């Protein structure tokens, strides 16, 4: 299982636990089983990534951020020469790979209980502070976010972007948006200030993050989903 589907019964549990749009499965986070190649040097032992093996490689590298980053790099390389359905498969898979590589999903899940409490309040300040604390110290967040920006289609290419959105689950789209946001925020040197002053006009990564968040909210609503997705994305200034 490569990602969690948004389950309505867990939408009230917590922020990024509610944010089950983080495609992080119990298998990915808690399995202790890795292929033999995954236990050695990831830079030399990750097989060439393709649309046919990418999901297996993501499963096998889920508990090893360094390995997951190499898989993400492999996805970026494969995507540069791919087209059609293969390219979309790699793009969707890159969201999970980036989450595993950055450690962002684990960091958020560890803060899920506090995020539950913050969502019950009337201010988004606590949510932003919790995200700021969660992303501090994630040394692979920057390369993970950069790779994701390079892999995912630009909204300026409507055909490619819409093709990706059509096949990505709402949680994939939202996860991609938050990963890019977190990476840019960390790079700014002040996560809280960056989020509080977030603007899609700052640059291409910000514009992509905002468009992904809007697509996530729109697609989830169209699929009949209910829950605090809109509030979460708004709290992070990704939507208005």
Protein backbone atom coordinates (compact mmCIF):
# COMPACT_ATOMS: atom_id res chain seq x y z
CA UNK A 1 0.00 0.00 0.00
CA UNK A 2 1.65 3.19 -1.18
CA UNK A 3 -0.59 5.78 0.37
CA UNK A 4 -3.50 6.23 2.71
CA UNK A 5 -6.83 7.06 1.20
CA UNK A 6 -8.64 9.82 3.00
CA UNK A 7 -10.86 7.94 5.43
CA UNK A 8 -13.79 9.98 6.78
CA UNK A 9 -13.70 8.12 10.08
CA UNK A 10 -10.25 9.47 10.88
CA UNK A 11 -10.81 13.02 9.73
CA UNK A 12 -11.62 14.16 13.23
CA UNK A 13 -8.55 12.64 14.84
CA UNK A 14 -5.99 15.32 14.25
CA UNK A 15 -4.21 17.72 11.98
CA UNK A 16 -1.93 15.58 9.91
CA UNK A 17 -3.54 12.49 11.27
CA UNK A 18 -6.66 14.25 10.01
CA UNK A 19 -4.32 15.26 7.25
CA UNK A 20 -4.53 11.69 6.14
CA UNK A 21 -3.83 13.28 2.85
CA UNK A 22 -0.30 12.54 3.98
CA UNK A 23 0.08 9.32 2.00
CA UNK A 24 1.93 7.51 4.76
CA UNK A 25 0.74 4.03 5.46
CA UNK A 26 1.17 1.86 8.49
CA UNK A 27 3.21 -0.41 6.27
CA UNK A 28 5.47 2.42 5.25
CA UNK A 29 6.12 3.71 8.74
CA UNK A 30 6.03 0.64 10.91
CA UNK A 31 7.18 -2.24 8.76
CA UNK A 32 10.66 -3.45 9.64
CA UNK A 33 11.04 -5.41 6.44
CA UNK A 34 13.46 -4.07 3.85
CA UNK A 35 14.88 -5.71 0.77
CA UNK A 36 18.49 -6.83 1.05
CA UNK A 37 19.72 -3.97 -1.14
CA UNK A 38 18.04 -1.47 1.16
CA UNK A 39 20.31 -2.36 4.07
CA UNK A 40 23.45 -1.20 2.24
CA UNK A 41 24.72 2.02 0.66
CA UNK A 42 21.63 3.63 -0.88
CA UNK A 43 23.56 5.81 -3.32
CA UNK A 44 24.99 2.81 -5.13
CA UNK A 45 22.39 0.12 -4.56
CA UNK A 46 19.03 1.65 -5.44
CA UNK A 47 17.98 0.06 -8.75
CA UNK A 48 17.06 2.22 -11.70
CA UNK A 49 13.60 3.58 -11.02
CA UNK A 50 10.78 3.09 -13.49
CA UNK A 51 7.03 3.36 -13.46
CA UNK A 52 6.83 -0.41 -13.08
CA UNK A 53 8.99 -0.71 -9.95
CA UNK A 54 8.60 2.67 -8.25
CA UNK A 55 5.88 1.65 -5.81
CA UNK A 56 7.82 -1.41 -4.69
CA UNK A 57 10.94 0.69 -4.15
CA UNK A 58 8.96 3.20 -2.11
CA UNK A 59 7.60 0.44 0.11
CA UNK A 60 11.06 -1.01 0.64
CA UNK A 61 12.65 2.34 1.49
CA UNK A 62 9.87 3.70 3.66
CA UNK A 63 11.69 3.35 6.98
CA UNK A 64 15.03 4.64 5.69
CA UNK A 65 15.02 8.36 4.85
CA UNK A 66 18.45 8.25 3.20
CA UNK A 67 17.33 5.40 1.00
CA UNK A 68 14.01 7.10 0.28
CA UNK A 69 15.88 10.19 -0.88
CA UNK A 70 17.84 8.08 -3.35
CA UNK A 71 14.57 6.61 -4.60
CA UNK A 72 13.21 10.15 -4.98
CA UNK A 73 16.29 11.12 -6.98
CA UNK A 74 15.71 8.06 -9.12
CA UNK A 75 12.13 9.14 -9.70
CA UNK A 76 13.35 12.58 -10.76
CA UNK A 77 15.77 11.03 -13.23
CA UNK A 78 13.17 8.62 -14.60
CA UNK A 79 10.53 11.33 -14.88
CA UNK A 80 12.80 13.49 -17.01
CA UNK A 81 12.63 10.91 -19.77
CA UNK A 82 9.09 9.62 -19.23
CA UNK A 83 5.79 10.58 -20.82
CA UNK A 84 2.14 9.65 -20.75
CA UNK A 85 0.91 7.32 -18.05
CA UNK A 86 4.43 6.39 -16.94
CA UNK A 87 5.18 10.02 -16.17
CA UNK A 88 1.98 10.48 -14.17
CA UNK A 89 2.69 7.29 -12.20
CA UNK A 90 6.13 8.62 -11.30
CA UNK A 91 4.73 12.03 -10.37
CA UNK A 92 2.13 10.57 -8.02
CA UNK A 93 4.72 8.24 -6.46
CA UNK A 94 7.11 11.14 -5.90
CA UNK A 95 4.80 12.59 -3.26
CA UNK A 96 5.14 9.53 -1.02
CA UNK A 97 8.85 9.26 -1.71
CA UNK A 98 9.38 12.92 -0.76
CA UNK A 99 7.45 12.48 2.48
CA UNK A 100 9.51 9.43 3.42
CA UNK A 101 12.78 11.08 2.45
CA UNK A 102 12.14 14.35 4.26
CA UNK A 103 10.89 12.78 7.49
CA UNK A 104 8.02 15.25 7.39
CA UNK A 105 5.28 12.68 7.77
CA UNK A 106 6.89 11.09 10.82
CA UNK A 107 7.46 14.49 12.43
CA UNK A 108 3.85 15.49 11.91
CA UNK A 109 2.45 12.21 13.16
CA UNK A 110 4.48 12.59 16.34
CA UNK A 111 2.72 15.91 16.91
CA UNK A 112 -0.74 14.69 15.96
CA UNK A 113 -2.15 14.82 19.49
CA UNK A 114 -1.23 18.46 19.97
CA UNK A 115 -2.50 19.30 16.51
CA UNK A 116 -5.90 17.88 17.47
CA UNK A 117 -6.11 20.39 20.29
CA UNK A 118 -4.99 23.28 18.12
CA UNK A 119 -7.65 22.55 15.52
CA UNK A 120 -10.35 22.82 18.13
CA UNK A 121 -9.37 26.42 18.82
CA UNK A 122 -10.37 29.51 16.93
CA UNK A 123 -6.89 30.57 15.81
CA UNK A 124 -4.52 29.06 13.29
CA UNK A 125 -1.49 30.32 15.25
CA UNK A 126 -1.10 27.07 17.17
CA UNK A 127 -1.24 25.05 13.97
CA UNK A 128 1.53 27.13 12.40
CA UNK A 129 3.66 26.87 15.55
CA UNK A 130 3.26 23.11 15.62
CA UNK A 131 4.29 22.81 11.98
CA UNK A 132 7.28 25.04 12.68
CA UNK A 133 8.39 22.76 15.49
CA UNK A 134 7.75 19.65 13.43
CA UNK A 135 9.94 20.68 10.50
CA UNK A 136 12.88 21.95 12.52
CA UNK A 137 15.84 19.64 12.26
CA UNK A 138 14.63 17.77 9.17
CA UNK A 139 17.92 17.73 7.28
CA UNK A 140 16.50 16.13 4.12
CA UNK A 141 13.48 18.37 3.77
CA UNK A 142 15.22 20.83 1.44
CA UNK A 143 16.38 18.29 -1.18
CA UNK A 144 13.06 16.46 -0.93
CA UNK A 145 11.08 19.62 -1.58
CA UNK A 146 13.35 20.66 -4.43
CA UNK A 147 13.02 17.28 -6.10
CA UNK A 148 9.25 17.40 -5.77
CA UNK A 149 9.10 20.82 -7.43
CA UNK A 150 11.26 19.49 -10.25
CA UNK A 151 9.14 16.36 -10.76
CA UNK A 152 5.61 17.72 -10.53
CA UNK A 153 4.11 19.54 -13.51
CA UNK A 154 3.86 23.31 -13.42
CA UNK A 155 0.33 24.70 -13.28
CA UNK A 156 1.35 26.90 -16.20
CA UNK A 157 1.27 23.75 -18.32
CA UNK A 158 -2.45 23.17 -17.96
CA UNK A 159 -2.50 19.91 -19.91
CA UNK A 160 0.23 18.23 -17.88
CA UNK A 161 -0.96 19.66 -14.58
CA UNK A 162 -4.59 18.65 -15.11
CA UNK A 163 -3.52 15.14 -16.14
CA UNK A 164 -1.60 14.77 -12.87
CA UNK A 165 -4.46 16.17 -10.78
CA UNK A 166 -6.93 13.81 -12.47
CA UNK A 167 -5.02 10.75 -11.28
CA UNK A 168 -3.76 11.99 -7.92
CA UNK A 169 -5.86 11.51 -4.82
CA UNK A 170 -6.78 14.66 -2.88
CA UNK A 171 -4.39 13.59 -0.12
CA UNK A 172 -1.58 13.29 -2.69
CA UNK A 173 -2.18 16.84 -3.84
CA UNK A 174 -2.37 18.24 -0.33
CA UNK A 175 0.69 16.30 0.80
CA UNK A 176 2.68 17.69 -2.11
CA UNK A 177 1.54 21.22 -1.26
CA UNK A 178 2.53 20.92 2.40
CA UNK A 179 5.90 19.33 1.60
CA UNK A 180 6.80 22.15 -0.75
CA UNK A 181 5.53 24.73 1.75
CA UNK A 182 7.55 23.17 4.58
CA UNK A 183 10.72 23.00 2.51
CA UNK A 184 10.46 26.63 1.44
CA UNK A 185 9.59 27.69 4.98
CA UNK A 186 12.59 25.89 6.43
CA UNK A 187 14.88 27.45 3.82
CA UNK A 188 13.61 30.91 4.75
CA UNK A 189 15.10 30.60 8.22
CA UNK A 190 11.86 31.36 10.04
CA UNK A 191 9.09 28.86 9.42
CA UNK A 192 6.44 30.73 11.39
CA UNK A 193 7.02 34.06 9.65
CA UNK A 194 7.17 32.39 6.25
CA UNK A 195 3.83 30.66 6.68
CA UNK A 196 2.16 33.69 8.22
CA UNK A 197 3.27 35.79 5.26
CA UNK A 198 2.90 33.11 2.60
CA UNK A 199 2.06 34.32 -0.88
CA UNK A 200 1.80 32.34 -4.12
CA UNK A 201 3.42 35.32 -5.84
CA UNK A 202 6.77 34.81 -4.11
CA UNK A 203 8.02 32.33 -6.69
CA UNK A 204 7.28 29.17 -8.70
CA UNK A 205 7.45 26.78 -5.69
CA UNK A 206 4.96 28.86 -3.76
CA UNK A 207 2.65 29.14 -6.74
CA UNK A 208 2.80 25.38 -7.26
CA UNK A 209 2.10 24.71 -3.57
CA UNK A 210 -0.93 27.00 -3.59
CA UNK A 211 -2.32 25.47 -6.78
CA UNK A 212 -1.85 21.95 -5.43
CA UNK A 213 -3.66 22.90 -2.22
CA UNK A 214 -6.54 24.43 -4.16
CA UNK A 215 -6.75 21.35 -6.37
CA UNK A 216 -6.76 19.12 -3.28
CA UNK A 217 -9.60 21.03 -1.67
CA UNK A 218 -11.62 21.17 -4.88
CA UNK A 219 -11.14 17.53 -5.77
CA UNK A 220 -11.87 16.29 -2.27
CA UNK A 221 -15.10 18.28 -2.13
CA UNK A 222 -16.09 16.98 -5.57
CA UNK A 223 -15.58 13.42 -4.36
CA UNK A 224 -18.00 14.00 -1.50
CA UNK A 225 -15.44 14.27 1.25
CA UNK A 226 -16.17 16.05 4.49
CA UNK A 227 -13.88 17.18 7.23
CA UNK A 228 -11.39 19.91 8.14
CA UNK A 229 -9.24 19.76 5.02
CA UNK A 230 -10.17 23.28 3.98
CA UNK A 231 -9.48 24.62 7.47
CA UNK A 232 -6.08 22.94 7.60
CA UNK A 233 -4.93 24.28 4.27
CA UNK A 234 -6.26 27.72 5.15
CA UNK A 235 -4.44 27.64 8.50
CA UNK A 236 -1.21 27.14 6.60
CA UNK A 237 -2.12 30.03 4.27
CA UNK A 238 -2.13 27.66 1.28
CA UNK A 239 -5.73 28.54 0.46
CA UNK A 240 -7.96 31.47 1.21
